Amino acid sequence: MDHQSATPTDGVPVDPIPAKPGLRERKKRLRLQRIISVSRRLFVSKGFHETTIQDIAEEADIGLGTLYLYAASKEDLLVLVFRENLLQMTESAFDAIDADAPILDQLMSFFQVHIDYHKEDMLLSCTVLKELSFPINPQRKHDIELIFNAAYVKLEQLLKRGIVDGKLAPGLYIGTAVTSIFGLFYHLLQGFLCGFFTEKEFRKNLLHALDMLLQEACSA
């Protein structure tokens, strides 16, 4: 009997064993990881604007034509470089939340991890956010959707848990609340990274804005 179609005695089907990537696919993935690693190092050490596509290709030991197979521009490459970091950071931010804390504290805890991440290199983060705001091609749109949807999913889980725990009104419009909450954070984050206010002012403004939004949402 074929092992992929076999079922155990309890009748539960066995998931098919995923096919191992071929040599060509493995080489492609390794090349992509090298491009990402080199790009990140150069963006941090030289600065995004001072780094050229040619610099990245030479450091990664590949031709320009090969590099363009992975990213159509330096801006797309920047988003690609930080995509995995941002996705992992979102997971870490959610895992760090104290589920017993008030909802407002949970939200602030979630966003504090984002703040700490972005303030490590504010100039580069400002550039990243600028590129995230303008999905000018399908690949960048796909990357941006992955990043934003990851945050939306975690915020949705947080709010649904709050409803179950009796901390939020059962009639709360989850989808609208999620996009409004993240929209507030994203707007204030841009102001912080551009130097319009300090981190202390950023947290204070975010706290008050979220408090008002939750009060309005729960009273609707």
C-alpha atoms as a PDB file:
ATOM      1  CA  MET A   1       0.000   0.000   0.000  1.00  0.00           C
ATOM      2  CA  ASP A   2       1.219   3.514  -0.820  1.00  0.00           C
ATOM      3  CA  HIS A   3       2.365   5.175   2.449  1.00  0.00           C
ATOM      4  CA  GLN A   4       0.842   8.509   1.432  1.00  0.00           C
ATOM      5  CA  SER A   5      -2.654   7.086   1.104  1.00  0.00           C
ATOM      6  CA  ALA A   6      -2.554   4.787   4.122  1.00  0.00           C
ATOM      7  CA  THR A   7      -4.827   5.412   7.096  1.00  0.00           C
ATOM      8  CA  PRO A   8      -4.242   4.313  10.710  1.00  0.00           C
ATOM      9  CA  THR A   9      -6.567   1.907  12.472  1.00  0.00           C
ATOM     10  CA  ASP A  10      -8.561   4.744  14.071  1.00  0.00           C
ATOM     11  CA  GLY A  11      -9.663   5.906  10.630  1.00  0.00           C
ATOM     12  CA  VAL A  12      -7.911   9.277  10.710  1.00  0.00           C
ATOM     13  CA  PRO A  13      -6.296   9.975   7.296  1.00  0.00           C
ATOM     14  CA  VAL A  14      -2.555  10.474   7.196  1.00  0.00           C
ATOM     15  CA  ASP A  15      -1.449  13.810   5.735  1.00  0.00           C
ATOM     16  CA  PRO A  16       0.557  13.401   2.531  1.00  0.00           C
ATOM     17  CA  ILE A  17       4.294  13.740   3.050  1.00  0.00           C
ATOM     18  CA  PRO A  18       5.387  17.032   1.434  1.00  0.00           C
ATOM     19  CA  ALA A  19       7.716  16.612  -1.497  1.00  0.00           C
ATOM     20  CA  LYS A  20      11.326  17.541  -0.824  1.00  0.00           C
ATOM     21  CA  PRO A  21      12.390  20.595  -2.833  1.00  0.00           C
ATOM     22  CA  GLY A  22      14.545  19.767  -5.820  1.00  0.00           C
ATOM     23  CA  LEU A  23      18.148  20.880  -6.211  1.00  0.00           C
ATOM     24  CA  ARG A  24      17.177  23.854  -8.365  1.00  0.00           C
ATOM     25  CA  GLU A  25      14.620  25.069  -5.834  1.00  0.00           C
ATOM     26  CA  ARG A  26      17.074  24.649  -2.940  1.00  0.00           C
ATOM     27  CA  LYS A  27      19.697  26.676  -4.800  1.00  0.00           C
ATOM     28  CA  LYS A  28      17.120  29.361  -5.494  1.00  0.00           C
ATOM     29  CA  ARG A  29      16.177  29.594  -1.808  1.00  0.00           C
ATOM     30  CA  LEU A  30      19.822  29.745  -0.718  1.00  0.00           C
ATOM     31  CA  ARG A  31      20.503  32.505  -3.235  1.00  0.00           C
ATOM     32  CA  LEU A  32      17.514  34.467  -1.951  1.00  0.00           C
ATOM     33  CA  GLN A  33      18.714  34.134   1.627  1.00  0.00           C
ATOM     34  CA  ARG A  34      22.153  35.362   0.581  1.00  0.00           C
ATOM     35  CA  ILE A  35      20.614  38.361  -1.187  1.00  0.00           C
ATOM     36  CA  ILE A  36      18.516  39.195   1.881  1.00  0.00           C
ATOM     37  CA  SER A  37      21.474  38.831   4.243  1.00  0.00           C
ATOM     38  CA  VAL A  38      23.761  41.001   2.118  1.00  0.00           C
ATOM     39  CA  SER A  39      21.066  43.621   1.551  1.00  0.00           C
ATOM     40  CA  ARG A  40      20.261  43.916   5.240  1.00  0.00           C
ATOM     41  CA  ARG A  41      23.939  44.283   6.134  1.00  0.00           C
ATOM     42  CA  LEU A  42      24.525  46.981   3.506  1.00  0.00           C
ATOM     43  CA  PHE A  43      21.332  48.888   4.305  1.00  0.00           C
ATOM     44  CA  VAL A  44      22.372  49.056   7.957  1.00  0.00           C
ATOM     45  CA  SER A  45      26.095  49.736   7.454  1.00  0.00           C
ATOM     46  CA  LYS A  46      26.006  52.086   4.446  1.00  0.00           C
ATOM     47  CA  GLY A  47      22.455  53.355   4.653  1.00  0.00           C
ATOM     48  CA  PHE A  48      19.599  52.605   2.285  1.00  0.00           C
ATOM     49  CA  HIS A  49      20.079  55.605   0.009  1.00  0.00           C
ATOM     50  CA  GLU A  50      23.841  55.081  -0.259  1.00  0.00           C
ATOM     51  CA  THR A  51      23.504  51.387  -1.132  1.00  0.00           C
ATOM     52  CA  THR A  52      23.071  50.567  -4.812  1.00  0.00           C
ATOM     53  CA  ILE A  53      21.686  47.513  -6.540  1.00  0.00           C
ATOM     54  CA  GLN A  54      25.161  47.007  -7.979  1.00  0.00           C
ATOM     55  CA  ASP A  55      26.632  46.951  -4.440  1.00  0.00           C
ATOM     56  CA  ILE A  56      24.195  44.215  -3.437  1.00  0.00           C
ATOM     57  CA  ALA A  57      24.812  42.139  -6.556  1.00  0.00           C
ATOM     58  CA  GLU A  58      28.587  42.307  -6.108  1.00  0.00           C
ATOM     59  CA  GLU A  59      28.457  41.437  -2.398  1.00  0.00           C
ATOM     60  CA  ALA A  60      26.072  38.545  -3.086  1.00  0.00           C
ATOM     61  CA  ASP A  61      28.291  37.406  -5.972  1.00  0.00           C
ATOM     62  CA  ILE A  62      25.468  37.342  -8.514  1.00  0.00           C
ATOM     63  CA  GLY A  63      24.685  39.232 -11.699  1.00  0.00           C
ATOM     64  CA  LEU A  64      22.269  42.155 -11.854  1.00  0.00           C
ATOM     65  CA  GLY A  65      19.943  40.136 -14.048  1.00  0.00           C
ATOM     66  CA  THR A  66      19.741  37.409 -11.425  1.00  0.00           C
ATOM     67  CA  LEU A  67      19.093  39.930  -8.670  1.00  0.00           C
ATOM     68  CA  TYR A  68      16.212  41.453 -10.617  1.00  0.00           C
ATOM     69  CA  LEU A  69      14.551  38.035 -10.687  1.00  0.00           C
ATOM     70  CA  TYR A  70      14.028  38.411  -6.936  1.00  0.00           C
ATOM     71  CA  ALA A  71      13.282  42.137  -6.664  1.00  0.00           C
ATOM     72  CA  ALA A  72      12.378  44.675  -9.331  1.00  0.00           C
ATOM     73  CA  SER A  73      13.937  47.586  -7.434  1.00  0.00           C
ATOM     74  CA  LYS A  74      15.970  48.478  -4.383  1.00  0.00           C
ATOM     75  CA  GLU A  75      12.738  49.563  -2.678  1.00  0.00           C
ATOM     76  CA  ASP A  76      11.121  46.179  -3.300  1.00  0.00           C
ATOM     77  CA  LEU A  77      14.240  44.539  -1.942  1.00  0.00           C
ATOM     78  CA  LEU A  78      14.000  46.645   1.210  1.00  0.00           C
ATOM     79  CA  VAL A  79      10.448  45.423   1.837  1.00  0.00           C
ATOM     80  CA  LEU A  80      11.526  41.844   1.138  1.00  0.00           C
ATOM     81  CA  VAL A  81      14.452  42.151   3.549  1.00  0.00           C
ATOM     82  CA  PHE A  82      12.277  43.339   6.409  1.00  0.00           C
ATOM     83  CA  ARG A  83       9.207  41.213   5.665  1.00  0.00           C
ATOM     84  CA  GLU A  84      10.318  38.195   7.679  1.00  0.00           C
ATOM     85  CA  ASN A  85      11.612  40.365  10.518  1.00  0.00           C
ATOM     86  CA  LEU A  86       8.300  42.191  10.761  1.00  0.00           C
ATOM     87  CA  LEU A  87       6.300  38.958  10.644  1.00  0.00           C
ATOM     88  CA  GLN A  88       8.421  37.414  13.400  1.00  0.00           C
ATOM     89  CA  MET A  89       8.221  40.603  15.446  1.00  0.00           C
ATOM     90  CA  THR A  90       4.415  40.541  15.257  1.00  0.00           C
ATOM     91  CA  GLU A  91       4.370  36.966  16.557  1.00  0.00           C
ATOM     92  CA  SER A  92       6.721  37.881  19.417  1.00  0.00           C
ATOM     93  CA  ALA A  93       4.643  40.940  20.290  1.00  0.00           C
ATOM     94  CA  PHE A  94       1.488  38.853  20.644  1.00  0.00           C
ATOM     95  CA  ASP A  95       3.212  36.119  22.644  1.00  0.00           C
ATOM     96  CA  ALA A  96       4.500  38.727  25.118  1.00  0.00           C
ATOM     97  CA  ILE A  97       0.991  39.915  26.012  1.00  0.00           C
ATOM     98  CA  ASP A  98      -0.388  39.233  29.503  1.00  0.00           C
ATOM     99  CA  ALA A  99      -3.844  37.859  28.687  1.00  0.00           C
ATOM    100  CA  ASP A 100      -5.076  38.705  32.203  1.00  0.00           C
ATOM    101  CA  ALA A 101      -4.304  42.418  31.800  1.00  0.00           C
ATOM    102  CA  PRO A 102      -6.930  44.984  30.736  1.00  0.00           C
ATOM    103  CA  ILE A 103      -7.440  45.198  26.979  1.00  0.00           C
ATOM    104  CA  LEU A 104      -5.849  48.639  26.753  1.00  0.00           C
ATOM    105  CA  ASP A 105      -2.718  47.345  28.484  1.00  0.00           C
ATOM    106  CA  GLN A 106      -2.636  44.337  26.159  1.00  0.00           C
ATOM    107  CA  LEU A 107      -2.779  46.593  23.111  1.00  0.00           C
ATOM    108  CA  MET A 108      -0.048  48.855  24.462  1.00  0.00           C
ATOM    109  CA  SER A 109       2.119  45.807  25.198  1.00  0.00           C
ATOM    110  CA  PHE A 110       1.594  44.549  21.650  1.00  0.00           C
ATOM    111  CA  PHE A 111       2.534  47.877  20.105  1.00  0.00           C
ATOM    112  CA  GLN A 112       5.456  48.510  22.468  1.00  0.00           C
ATOM    113  CA  VAL A 113       7.311  45.605  20.860  1.00  0.00           C
ATOM    114  CA  HIS A 114       6.725  47.266  17.479  1.00  0.00           C
ATOM    115  CA  ILE A 115       7.998  50.586  18.831  1.00  0.00           C
ATOM    116  CA  ASP A 116      11.137  49.006  20.273  1.00  0.00           C
ATOM    117  CA  TYR A 117      11.821  47.285  16.958  1.00  0.00           C
ATOM    118  CA  HIS A 118      11.463  50.401  14.823  1.00  0.00           C
ATOM    119  CA  LYS A 119      13.431  52.736  17.065  1.00  0.00           C
ATOM    120  CA  GLU A 120      16.579  50.582  16.679  1.00  0.00           C
ATOM    121  CA  ASP A 121      17.156  52.260  13.304  1.00  0.00           C
ATOM    122  CA  MET A 122      14.592  55.024  12.916  1.00  0.00           C
ATOM    123  CA  LEU A 123      15.884  56.306   9.579  1.00  0.00           C
ATOM    124  CA  LEU A 124      15.736  52.872   7.973  1.00  0.00           C
ATOM    125  CA  SER A 125      12.351  52.119   9.561  1.00  0.00           C
ATOM    126  CA  CYS A 126      11.025  55.425   8.212  1.00  0.00           C
ATOM    127  CA  THR A 127      12.115  54.360   4.732  1.00  0.00           C
ATOM    128  CA  VAL A 128      10.539  50.934   5.180  1.00  0.00           C
ATOM    129  CA  LEU A 129       7.198  52.436   6.246  1.00  0.00           C
ATOM    130  CA  LYS A 130       7.276  54.788   3.280  1.00  0.00           C
ATOM    131  CA  GLU A 131       7.648  51.834   0.922  1.00  0.00           C
ATOM    132  CA  LEU A 132       4.945  49.869   2.770  1.00  0.00           C
ATOM    133  CA  SER A 133       2.532  52.702   2.047  1.00  0.00           C
ATOM    134  CA  PHE A 134       2.880  52.474  -1.736  1.00  0.00           C
ATOM    135  CA  PRO A 135       2.319  49.014  -3.284  1.00  0.00           C
ATOM    136  CA  ILE A 136       3.396  49.938  -6.826  1.00  0.00           C
ATOM    137  CA  ASN A 137       3.690  46.365  -8.141  1.00  0.00           C
ATOM    138  CA  PRO A 138       2.180  42.915  -7.420  1.00  0.00           C
ATOM    139  CA  GLN A 139       5.186  41.599  -5.465  1.00  0.00           C
ATOM    140  CA  ARG A 140       5.319  44.576  -3.122  1.00  0.00           C
ATOM    141  CA  LYS A 141       1.536  44.452  -2.692  1.00  0.00           C
ATOM    142  CA  HIS A 142       1.821  40.773  -1.756  1.00  0.00           C
ATOM    143  CA  ASP A 143       4.569  41.467   0.807  1.00  0.00           C
ATOM    144  CA  ILE A 144       2.642  44.383   2.313  1.00  0.00           C
ATOM    145  CA  GLU A 145      -0.522  42.299   2.605  1.00  0.00           C
ATOM    146  CA  LEU A 146       1.423  39.584   4.454  1.00  0.00           C
ATOM    147  CA  ILE A 147       2.845  42.112   6.929  1.00  0.00           C
ATOM    148  CA  PHE A 148      -0.413  43.953   7.598  1.00  0.00           C
ATOM    149  CA  ASN A 149      -2.578  40.834   7.694  1.00  0.00           C
ATOM    150  CA  ALA A 150      -0.279  39.283  10.304  1.00  0.00           C
ATOM    151  CA  ALA A 151      -0.935  42.264  12.581  1.00  0.00           C
ATOM    152  CA  TYR A 152      -4.677  42.195  11.836  1.00  0.00           C
ATOM    153  CA  VAL A 153      -4.906  38.499  12.730  1.00  0.00           C
ATOM    154  CA  LYS A 154      -3.210  39.005  16.102  1.00  0.00           C
ATOM    155  CA  LEU A 155      -5.309  42.049  16.945  1.00  0.00           C
ATOM    156  CA  GLU A 156      -8.437  40.105  16.017  1.00  0.00           C
ATOM    157  CA  GLN A 157      -7.399  37.277  18.339  1.00  0.00           C
ATOM    158  CA  LEU A 158      -6.739  39.782  21.122  1.00  0.00           C
ATOM    159  CA  LEU A 159     -10.168  41.433  20.768  1.00  0.00           C
ATOM    160  CA  LYS A 160     -12.056  38.135  20.459  1.00  0.00           C
ATOM    161  CA  ARG A 161     -10.334  36.896  23.603  1.00  0.00           C
ATOM    162  CA  GLY A 162     -11.376  40.126  25.298  1.00  0.00           C
ATOM    163  CA  ILE A 163     -15.011  39.481  24.381  1.00  0.00           C
ATOM    164  CA  VAL A 164     -14.855  35.912  25.701  1.00  0.00           C
ATOM    165  CA  ASP A 165     -13.268  37.156  28.946  1.00  0.00           C
ATOM    166  CA  GLY A 166     -15.989  39.790  29.359  1.00  0.00           C
ATOM    167  CA  LYS A 167     -13.580  42.705  28.913  1.00  0.00           C
ATOM    168  CA  LEU A 168     -15.215  43.914  25.712  1.00  0.00           C
ATOM    169  CA  ALA A 169     -18.822  44.226  24.585  1.00  0.00           C
ATOM    170  CA  PRO A 170     -20.108  41.166  22.669  1.00  0.00           C
ATOM    171  CA  GLY A 171     -21.461  43.387  19.890  1.00  0.00           C
ATOM    172  CA  LEU A 172     -18.077  44.883  19.035  1.00  0.00           C
ATOM    173  CA  TYR A 173     -17.441  45.062  15.292  1.00  0.00           C
ATOM    174  CA  ILE A 174     -14.144  43.187  15.257  1.00  0.00           C
ATOM    175  CA  GLY A 175     -13.085  43.996  11.693  1.00  0.00           C
ATOM    176  CA  THR A 176     -13.710  47.728  12.034  1.00  0.00           C
ATOM    177  CA  ALA A 177     -12.051  47.831  15.458  1.00  0.00           C
ATOM    178  CA  VAL A 178      -8.944  46.014  14.187  1.00  0.00           C
ATOM    179  CA  THR A 179      -8.383  48.287  11.198  1.00  0.00           C
ATOM    180  CA  SER A 180      -9.073  51.394  13.295  1.00  0.00           C
ATOM    181  CA  ILE A 181      -6.662  50.319  16.048  1.00  0.00           C
ATOM    182  CA  PHE A 182      -3.866  49.477  13.630  1.00  0.00           C
ATOM    183  CA  GLY A 183      -4.561  52.631  11.626  1.00  0.00           C
ATOM    184  CA  LEU A 184      -4.112  54.756  14.749  1.00  0.00           C
ATOM    185  CA  PHE A 185      -0.849  53.057  15.602  1.00  0.00           C
ATOM    186  CA  TYR A 186       0.500  53.259  12.056  1.00  0.00           C
ATOM    187  CA  HIS A 187      -0.304  56.962  11.755  1.00  0.00           C
ATOM    188  CA  LEU A 188       1.345  57.815  15.073  1.00  0.00           C
ATOM    189  CA  LEU A 189       4.334  55.589  14.276  1.00  0.00           C
ATOM    190  CA  GLN A 190       4.973  57.579  11.118  1.00  0.00           C
ATOM    191  CA  GLY A 191       4.907  60.805  13.123  1.00  0.00           C
ATOM    192  CA  PHE A 192       7.324  59.377  15.691  1.00  0.00           C
ATOM    193  CA  LEU A 193       9.786  58.107  13.083  1.00  0.00           C
ATOM    194  CA  CYS A 194       9.676  61.462  11.290  1.00  0.00           C
ATOM    195  CA  GLY A 195      10.568  63.235  14.543  1.00  0.00           C
ATOM    196  CA  PHE A 196       7.291  65.069  15.137  1.00  0.00           C
ATOM    197  CA  PHE A 197       7.172  63.859  18.748  1.00  0.00           C
ATOM    198  CA  THR A 198       9.193  61.854  21.264  1.00  0.00           C
ATOM    199  CA  GLU A 199       8.695  58.214  22.178  1.00  0.00           C
ATOM    200  CA  LYS A 200       7.060  59.299  25.442  1.00  0.00           C
ATOM    201  CA  GLU A 201       4.635  61.516  23.547  1.00  0.00           C
ATOM    202  CA  PHE A 202       4.049  58.706  21.036  1.00  0.00           C
ATOM    203  CA  ARG A 203       3.014  56.269  23.771  1.00  0.00           C
ATOM    204  CA  LYS A 204       0.870  58.893  25.511  1.00  0.00           C
ATOM    205  CA  ASN A 205      -0.949  59.807  22.279  1.00  0.00           C
ATOM    206  CA  LEU A 206      -1.423  56.156  21.365  1.00  0.00           C
ATOM    207  CA  LEU A 207      -2.762  55.287  24.812  1.00  0.00           C
ATOM    208  CA  HIS A 208      -5.315  58.114  24.766  1.00  0.00           C
ATOM    209  CA  ALA A 209      -6.370  57.420  21.174  1.00  0.00           C
ATOM    210  CA  LEU A 210      -6.878  53.703  21.839  1.00  0.00           C
ATOM    211  CA  ASP A 211      -8.782  54.439  25.038  1.00  0.00           C
ATOM    212  CA  MET A 212     -11.161  56.759  23.185  1.00  0.00           C
ATOM    213  CA  LEU A 213     -11.615  54.278  20.351  1.00  0.00           C
ATOM    214  CA  LEU A 214     -12.420  51.388  22.703  1.00  0.00           C
ATOM    215  CA  GLN A 215     -14.866  53.501  24.722  1.00  0.00           C
ATOM    216  CA  GLU A 216     -16.618  54.581  21.533  1.00  0.00           C
ATOM    217  CA  ALA A 217     -16.689  51.035  20.153  1.00  0.00           C
ATOM    218  CA  CYS A 218     -18.052  49.519  23.348  1.00  0.00           C
ATOM    219  CA  SER A 219     -20.748  52.154  23.739  1.00  0.00           C
ATOM    220  CA  ALA A 220     -21.983  51.867  20.152  1.00  0.00           C
END
